Amino acid sequence: MTVETGAAIVDPLGRATVVSGAGRTARSHEVAAYGELSGFLAVAWDGPDTLLVTGTDGTTTIRLDPATGEPARTIGLG
């Protein structure tokens, strides 16, 4: 899982992604995208196939497909 923030990312101002696989078969999946006023606080693993994305409005559980790593849903925080 990676969390990117800062001026290098124009729109959105940040994003959380997971990478499944390795080498040439690796795939990157966006889990959350957030803007300056989003209230994003943290993202953390909660098991091998589950992420918890926390913002000022609460915590959202994101389940990942165990075979592909693709999230069942994504979050866009303005």
Protein backbone atom coordinates (compact mmCIF):
# COMPACT_ATOMS: atom_id res chain seq x y z
CA MET A 1 0.00 0.00 0.00
CA THR A 2 1.25 3.50 -0.76
CA VAL A 3 -0.08 6.88 0.25
CA GLU A 4 1.02 9.83 -1.88
CA THR A 5 0.53 13.46 -0.93
CA GLY A 6 1.91 16.86 -1.76
CA ALA A 7 2.55 19.27 -4.58
CA ALA A 8 3.77 16.55 -6.98
CA ILE A 9 0.17 15.38 -7.28
CA VAL A 10 -1.98 18.11 -8.82
CA ASP A 11 -5.48 16.67 -8.77
CA PRO A 12 -6.28 15.01 -6.42
CA LEU A 13 -3.85 16.18 -3.74
CA GLY A 14 -3.38 12.66 -2.50
CA ARG A 15 -4.19 9.03 -3.15
CA ALA A 16 -3.88 5.62 -1.53
CA THR A 17 -3.12 2.64 -3.77
CA VAL A 18 -2.39 -1.05 -3.38
CA VAL A 19 -0.14 -3.08 -5.68
CA SER A 20 -0.81 -6.74 -6.35
CA GLY A 21 1.62 -9.09 -8.01
CA ALA A 22 5.25 -8.43 -8.87
CA GLY A 23 7.40 -7.55 -11.83
CA ARG A 24 5.72 -7.24 -15.21
CA THR A 25 2.42 -8.64 -13.90
CA ALA A 26 2.11 -6.14 -11.03
CA ARG A 27 -1.11 -4.11 -10.98
CA SER A 28 -1.79 -0.88 -9.11
CA HIS A 29 -5.32 -0.24 -7.79
CA GLU A 30 -6.48 3.11 -6.42
CA VAL A 31 -8.32 2.75 -3.12
CA ALA A 32 -8.90 6.39 -2.14
CA ALA A 33 -8.38 9.79 -3.72
CA TYR A 34 -8.63 12.88 -1.60
CA GLY A 35 -8.45 16.66 -1.91
CA GLU A 36 -7.23 19.41 0.36
CA LEU A 37 -10.47 19.70 2.33
CA SER A 38 -11.27 15.99 2.57
CA GLY A 39 -10.51 15.33 6.20
CA PHE A 40 -8.40 12.28 5.29
CA LEU A 41 -6.56 10.98 8.35
CA ALA A 42 -5.15 7.50 7.72
CA VAL A 43 -5.28 4.20 5.90
CA ALA A 44 -4.26 0.92 7.51
CA TRP A 45 -4.36 -2.83 6.91
CA ASP A 46 -7.02 -4.76 8.85
CA GLY A 47 -6.19 -8.26 7.70
CA PRO A 48 -4.68 -9.66 4.51
CA ASP A 49 -7.50 -8.45 2.23
CA THR A 50 -9.01 -5.50 4.10
CA LEU A 51 -8.10 -1.81 4.45
CA LEU A 52 -9.50 0.78 6.82
CA VAL A 53 -9.62 4.32 5.40
CA THR A 54 -10.22 6.90 8.11
CA GLY A 55 -11.40 10.46 7.62
CA THR A 56 -12.96 13.06 9.89
CA ASP A 57 -16.37 11.58 9.01
CA GLY A 58 -15.45 8.07 10.18
CA THR A 59 -13.80 4.88 8.98
CA THR A 60 -14.65 2.98 5.80
CA THR A 61 -13.78 -0.68 5.30
CA ILE A 62 -12.44 -1.56 1.84
CA ARG A 63 -12.24 -5.24 0.95
CA LEU A 64 -9.73 -6.37 -1.67
CA ASP A 65 -10.26 -9.27 -4.05
CA PRO A 66 -7.82 -11.93 -2.74
CA ALA A 67 -6.98 -13.10 -6.28
CA THR A 68 -6.46 -9.72 -8.00
CA GLY A 69 -5.98 -7.19 -5.19
CA GLU A 70 -8.67 -5.01 -6.76
CA PRO A 71 -10.79 -3.08 -4.23
CA ALA A 72 -14.52 -3.83 -4.05
CA ARG A 73 -15.06 -0.06 -3.89
CA THR A 74 -13.06 3.15 -3.91
CA ILE A 75 -13.40 6.38 -2.00
CA GLY A 76 -13.24 9.85 -3.50
CA LEU A 77 -12.87 12.48 -0.81
CA GLY A 78 -13.14 16.11 -1.92
